[in-house]
N, C-alpha and C. Protein backbone atom coordinates (compact mmCIF):
# COMPACT_ATOMS: atom_id res chain seq x y z
N MET A 1 21.41 -10.45 0.26
CA MET A 1 21.86 -9.36 -0.95
C MET A 1 22.66 -8.00 -0.15
N GLN A 2 23.04 -8.48 0.86
CA GLN A 2 24.81 -7.60 2.20
C GLN A 2 25.62 -7.51 1.46
N HIS A 3 25.72 -8.34 0.45
CA HIS A 3 26.84 -8.74 -0.37
C HIS A 3 27.49 -7.09 -1.26
N LEU A 4 25.78 -6.50 -1.63
CA LEU A 4 25.76 -4.98 -2.98
C LEU A 4 25.68 -3.89 -2.09
N ASP A 5 26.23 -3.23 -3.20
CA ASP A 5 26.66 -1.58 -1.93
C ASP A 5 25.58 -1.12 -2.20
N ASP A 6 25.35 0.11 -1.29
CA ASP A 6 24.13 0.67 -1.40
C ASP A 6 22.97 1.21 -2.74
N ALA A 7 24.01 1.11 -3.94
CA ALA A 7 23.14 2.01 -4.40
C ALA A 7 22.66 1.07 -5.56
N THR A 8 23.17 -0.40 -5.63
CA THR A 8 22.60 -0.95 -5.98
C THR A 8 21.65 -2.05 -5.32
N ARG A 9 21.35 -2.18 -3.66
CA ARG A 9 20.67 -2.71 -3.37
C ARG A 9 19.58 -1.01 -3.58
N THR A 10 19.61 -0.40 -3.58
CA THR A 10 17.88 0.15 -3.85
C THR A 10 17.84 0.33 -4.68
N GLU A 11 18.09 0.19 -5.74
CA GLU A 11 17.87 0.06 -7.20
C GLU A 11 17.45 -0.72 -7.01
N LEU A 12 17.57 -2.37 -6.93
CA LEU A 12 17.04 -3.14 -6.68
C LEU A 12 15.53 -3.42 -5.89
N GLU A 13 15.43 -2.29 -4.61
CA GLU A 13 14.31 -2.35 -3.85
C GLU A 13 13.73 -1.77 -4.22
N ALA A 14 14.51 -0.70 -5.03
CA ALA A 14 12.88 0.84 -5.95
C ALA A 14 12.94 -0.31 -7.24
N ALA A 15 12.89 -1.30 -7.75
CA ALA A 15 12.25 -1.85 -8.96
C ALA A 15 11.67 -2.63 -8.54
N ALA A 16 11.13 -3.60 -7.28
CA ALA A 16 10.70 -4.22 -6.79
C ALA A 16 9.26 -3.16 -6.05
N PHE A 17 9.22 -2.72 -5.52
CA PHE A 17 8.60 -1.17 -5.47
C PHE A 17 7.41 -1.62 -6.79
N ARG A 18 7.74 -0.77 -7.43
CA ARG A 18 7.45 -0.40 -8.83
C ARG A 18 6.95 -2.03 -9.20
N ARG A 19 7.17 -2.96 -8.67
CA ARG A 19 7.11 -3.65 -9.34
C ARG A 19 5.69 -4.77 -8.54
N LEU A 20 5.70 -4.43 -7.06
CA LEU A 20 4.95 -4.12 -7.14
C LEU A 20 3.43 -3.07 -7.13
N VAL A 21 3.67 -2.32 -6.92
CA VAL A 21 2.17 -1.53 -7.05
C VAL A 21 1.88 -2.34 -8.58
N LYS A 22 2.66 -1.39 -9.85
CA LYS A 22 2.01 -2.59 -10.87
C LYS A 22 1.62 -4.37 -10.72
N HIS A 23 2.07 -5.10 -10.20
CA HIS A 23 1.43 -5.60 -9.61
C HIS A 23 -0.23 -5.66 -9.35
N LEU A 24 -0.34 -4.82 -8.07
CA LEU A 24 -1.50 -4.46 -7.83
C LEU A 24 -2.61 -3.33 -7.98
N ASP A 25 -1.75 -2.80 -9.46
CA ASP A 25 -2.97 -1.73 -10.40
C ASP A 25 -3.51 -3.51 -11.57
N GLU A 26 -2.28 -4.75 -12.09
CA GLU A 26 -3.19 -5.27 -12.15
C GLU A 26 -3.63 -6.36 -11.61
N HIS A 27 -4.42 -5.85 -10.29
CA HIS A 27 -5.07 -6.76 -9.53
C HIS A 27 -6.37 -5.62 -8.75
N LYS A 28 -6.67 -5.27 -9.50
CA LYS A 28 -7.94 -4.18 -9.03
C LYS A 28 -8.25 -4.73 -8.44
N GLU A 29 -9.58 -6.11 -9.02
CA GLU A 29 -9.81 -6.74 -7.93
C GLU A 29 -10.15 -7.89 -6.87
N VAL A 30 -8.37 -7.62 -6.05
CA VAL A 30 -8.18 -7.00 -5.19
C VAL A 30 -8.26 -6.17 -3.71
N GLN A 31 -9.82 -6.53 -3.48
CA GLN A 31 -9.86 -5.04 -2.26
C GLN A 31 -8.60 -3.90 -0.96
N ASN A 32 -8.64 -2.93 -0.65
CA ASN A 32 -8.03 -2.74 -0.09
C ASN A 32 -8.17 -3.68 1.69
N ILE A 33 -9.52 -4.33 1.76
CA ILE A 33 -9.38 -4.82 3.10
C ILE A 33 -9.36 -6.00 3.03
N ASP A 34 -8.82 -6.75 1.83
CA ASP A 34 -8.63 -8.13 1.67
C ASP A 34 -7.19 -7.43 1.78
N LEU A 35 -6.36 -7.25 1.44
CA LEU A 35 -4.90 -6.34 1.21
C LEU A 35 -5.06 -7.41 3.45
N MET A 36 -5.85 -5.60 3.67
CA MET A 36 -6.00 -5.24 5.56
C MET A 36 -5.76 -6.93 6.34
N ILE A 37 -7.24 -7.29 5.51
CA ILE A 37 -6.64 -8.99 7.21
C ILE A 37 -6.04 -9.49 6.11
N LEU A 38 -5.07 -10.17 5.12
CA LEU A 38 -3.50 -10.68 4.83
C LEU A 38 -3.01 -10.18 6.01
N ALA A 39 -2.37 -8.48 5.18
CA ALA A 39 -1.06 -8.70 5.02
C ALA A 39 -1.14 -7.31 6.22
N ASP A 40 -2.10 -6.90 6.53
CA ASP A 40 -2.15 -4.95 7.54
C ASP A 40 -1.38 -4.50 6.41
N PHE A 41 -1.97 -3.91 5.51
CA PHE A 41 -1.29 -2.67 4.24
C PHE A 41 -2.28 -3.23 3.60
N CYS A 42 -2.46 -1.89 3.19
CA CYS A 42 -2.81 -1.76 1.55
C CYS A 42 -1.87 -0.47 0.74
N ARG A 43 -3.16 -0.61 -0.16
CA ARG A 43 -2.88 0.53 -1.62
C ARG A 43 -1.80 2.06 -0.42
N ASN A 44 -3.12 2.25 0.05
CA ASN A 44 -3.21 3.34 0.92
C ASN A 44 -1.65 3.36 1.81
N CYS A 45 -2.00 2.62 2.25
CA CYS A 45 -0.97 1.69 3.55
C CYS A 45 0.61 2.77 2.54
N LEU A 46 0.75 2.05 1.49
CA LEU A 46 2.23 2.54 0.59
C LEU A 46 2.30 3.68 -0.30
N ALA A 47 1.09 4.61 -0.07
CA ALA A 47 0.94 5.83 -0.37
C ALA A 47 1.58 7.08 1.02
N LYS A 48 1.17 6.30 1.88
CA LYS A 48 1.61 6.27 3.57
C LYS A 48 3.02 6.48 3.85
N TRP A 49 3.47 5.64 3.93
CA TRP A 49 4.98 5.24 3.23
C TRP A 49 6.29 6.34 2.84
N LEU A 50 5.76 5.58 1.91
CA LEU A 50 6.52 7.33 -0.06
C LEU A 50 6.57 8.30 0.78
N VAL A 51 5.12 8.87 1.39
CA VAL A 51 5.42 10.36 1.74
C VAL A 51 6.33 10.04 2.85
N SER A 52 6.30 9.32 3.61
CA SER A 52 7.45 8.99 5.19
C SER A 52 8.05 8.84 5.14
N ALA A 53 8.35 8.91 3.59
CA ALA A 53 10.02 8.37 3.38
C ALA A 53 10.18 9.60 2.38
N ALA A 54 9.64 10.21 2.20
CA ALA A 54 9.97 11.33 0.65
C ALA A 54 10.67 12.53 2.76
N ASP A 55 9.30 12.22 3.46
CA ASP A 55 9.38 13.52 3.96
C ASP A 55 11.01 13.31 4.55
N GLU A 56 11.45 11.91 5.56
CA GLU A 56 13.23 11.68 6.38
C GLU A 56 13.79 12.35 5.07
N ARG A 57 13.79 12.47 4.14
CA ARG A 57 14.52 12.11 3.62
C ARG A 57 14.41 14.11 2.65
N GLY A 58 14.06 14.54 3.87
CA GLY A 58 14.01 16.44 3.15
C GLY A 58 12.97 16.96 2.23
N VAL A 59 12.29 15.96 1.88
CA VAL A 59 11.84 15.79 0.00
C VAL A 59 9.80 16.20 0.26
N GLU A 60 9.36 16.91 -1.07
CA GLU A 60 7.96 17.19 0.13
C GLU A 60 6.82 16.78 -1.04
N ILE A 61 5.81 15.68 -1.02
CA ILE A 61 5.96 14.58 -1.42
C ILE A 61 3.97 15.38 -1.08
N ASP A 62 2.56 15.57 -1.45
CA ASP A 62 2.25 15.50 -1.16
C ASP A 62 1.17 13.87 -1.39
N HIS A 63 0.10 14.59 -0.09
CA HIS A 63 0.05 13.07 -0.76
C HIS A 63 -1.38 11.95 -1.27
N GLU A 64 -1.81 12.70 -1.99
CA GLU A 64 -2.84 12.56 -3.17
C GLU A 64 -2.18 12.28 -3.91
N ALA A 65 -0.71 13.32 -4.24
CA ALA A 65 0.45 12.45 -5.67
C ALA A 65 0.46 11.43 -6.03
N ALA A 66 1.36 10.55 -4.39
CA ALA A 66 1.43 9.69 -3.58
C ALA A 66 0.70 8.64 -4.32
N ARG A 67 -0.49 9.00 -3.96
CA ARG A 67 -2.03 8.12 -4.07
C ARG A 67 -1.71 7.89 -5.35
N GLU A 68 -1.74 8.81 -6.37
CA GLU A 68 -2.16 9.15 -7.14
C GLU A 68 -1.54 7.73 -8.09
N TYR A 69 -0.38 8.36 -7.48
CA TYR A 69 1.20 7.41 -7.68
C TYR A 69 0.64 5.48 -7.83
N VAL A 70 0.32 5.07 -6.93
CA VAL A 70 0.18 4.02 -6.23
C VAL A 70 -1.11 3.70 -7.45
N TYR A 71 -1.82 4.38 -6.88
CA TYR A 71 -3.65 3.94 -7.53
C TYR A 71 -3.53 3.86 -9.13
N GLY A 72 -2.50 4.93 -9.98
CA GLY A 72 -2.09 4.80 -10.48
C GLY A 72 -2.85 5.35 -11.71
N MET A 73 -4.26 6.49 -10.55
CA MET A 73 -4.63 7.09 -11.17
C MET A 73 -5.07 8.33 -10.14
N PRO A 74 -6.34 8.86 -9.67
CA PRO A 74 -6.40 10.68 -9.01
C PRO A 74 -6.97 9.02 -7.78
N TYR A 75 -7.49 8.84 -6.83
CA TYR A 75 -8.17 8.00 -5.49
C TYR A 75 -9.45 7.49 -5.77
N ALA A 76 -10.33 8.99 -6.07
CA ALA A 76 -11.88 9.18 -6.18
C ALA A 76 -11.94 8.39 -7.06
N GLU A 77 -10.84 8.75 -8.35
CA GLU A 77 -11.57 8.44 -9.63
C GLU A 77 -11.55 6.53 -9.21
N TRP A 78 -10.85 5.54 -9.10
CA TRP A 78 -10.31 4.59 -8.25
C TRP A 78 -11.82 3.56 -7.58
N LYS A 79 -11.28 4.20 -6.55
CA LYS A 79 -12.79 4.15 -5.31
C LYS A 79 -14.08 3.47 -6.20
N ASN A 80 -13.98 4.90 -6.87
CA ASN A 80 -15.66 4.75 -8.10
C ASN A 80 -15.75 4.00 -9.05
N ARG A 81 -14.07 3.98 -9.41
CA ARG A 81 -14.20 2.47 -10.40
C ARG A 81 -14.26 1.09 -9.79
N TYR A 82 -13.55 1.37 -9.00
CA TYR A 82 -13.12 -0.16 -8.81
C TYR A 82 -13.23 -1.05 -6.83
N GLN A 83 -13.51 0.19 -6.48
CA GLN A 83 -13.92 -0.27 -5.16
C GLN A 83 -15.00 -0.61 -4.53
N GLN A 84 -15.57 -1.85 -4.05
CA GLN A 84 -16.76 -2.91 -3.19
C GLN A 84 -16.63 -2.31 -2.54
N ASP A 85 -18.01 -1.79 -1.36
CA ASP A 85 -18.07 -2.59 -0.53
C ASP A 85 -18.02 -3.51 0.04
N ALA A 86 -17.42 -2.88 1.94
CA ALA A 86 -16.87 -4.81 2.67
C ALA A 86 -18.01 -5.37 2.26
N THR A 87 -17.87 -6.70 2.33
CA THR A 87 -18.74 -7.80 2.85
C THR A 87 -18.71 -7.23 4.47
N SER A 88 -20.15 -7.97 5.29
CA SER A 88 -19.95 -8.10 6.36
C SER A 88 -19.06 -9.71 7.15
N GLU A 89 -18.75 -10.65 5.81
CA GLU A 89 -17.78 -11.00 6.78
C GLU A 89 -16.10 -11.07 6.43
N GLN A 90 -15.85 -10.24 5.26
CA GLN A 90 -14.76 -8.79 5.28
C GLN A 90 -14.55 -8.30 6.37
N LEU A 91 -15.82 -7.37 6.65
CA LEU A 91 -15.12 -6.48 7.66
C LEU A 91 -15.07 -7.18 9.34
N ALA A 92 -16.03 -8.34 9.76
CA ALA A 92 -16.10 -10.10 10.72
C ALA A 92 -14.47 -9.86 11.21
N ALA A 93 -13.36 -10.43 9.92
CA ALA A 93 -12.88 -10.29 9.81
C ALA A 93 -11.00 -9.55 9.73
N PHE A 94 -11.28 -9.13 8.79
CA PHE A 94 -11.00 -6.78 10.15
C PHE A 94 -10.86 -6.35 10.52
N GLU A 95 -11.99 -7.48 11.42
CA GLU A 95 -11.63 -6.92 13.21
C GLU A 95 -11.11 -7.45 13.48
N ALA A 96 -11.55 -9.12 13.80
CA ALA A 96 -10.68 -9.99 14.53
C ALA A 96 -9.32 -9.54 13.71
N ARG A 97 -8.67 -9.49 12.21
CA ARG A 97 -7.41 -8.85 12.79
C ARG A 97 -6.68 -7.66 13.75
N GLN A 98 -7.98 -6.97 14.11
CA GLN A 98 -7.67 -5.14 14.65
C GLN A 98 -7.72 -6.15 15.77
N ALA A 99 -8.41 -7.39 15.67
CA ALA A 99 -8.18 -7.80 17.88
C ALA A 99 -7.05 -7.68 17.93
N GLN A 100 -6.25 -9.49 17.26
CA GLN A 100 -5.78 -10.21 17.22
C GLN A 100 -3.83 -9.04 17.96
N LYS A 101 -3.49 -7.77 17.50
CA LYS A 101 -2.68 -7.14 16.81
C LYS A 101 -2.86 -5.95 18.21
N GLN A 102 -3.82 -5.73 18.42
CA GLN A 102 -4.24 -5.18 20.42
C GLN A 102 -3.87 -6.82 20.83
N GLU A 103 -3.79 -7.33 21.29
CA GLU A 103 -3.52 -8.78 22.53
C GLU A 103 -2.15 -8.10 21.61
N LYS A 104 -1.07 -8.42 21.03
CA LYS A 104 -0.15 -9.02 20.94
C LYS A 104 0.40 -7.80 21.86
N THR A 105 0.36 -6.57 22.54
CA THR A 105 0.60 -5.06 22.12
C THR A 105 0.81 -5.25 24.02
């Protein structure tokens, strides 16, 4: 992608991001804790990254608005409709993942 001009690369990156958000929306069964265990990010991370990117560019985006964009609805509604309680196995896997991260630092 080095041969692309900045505008084209930005458009492609933005399209890929929108596709990721759409993909996550189409797979609500994938819980945030599963994403955190496997990939060390979740839907909430995407919202925080949006806010951070906006802040770096002097643009104000409210965290809740960013989360609503990522979730496709207000977070409280998504949580109520789709978020399941983490199982003991998920919690153990998450803790193991966090411990691995600490060992690397």
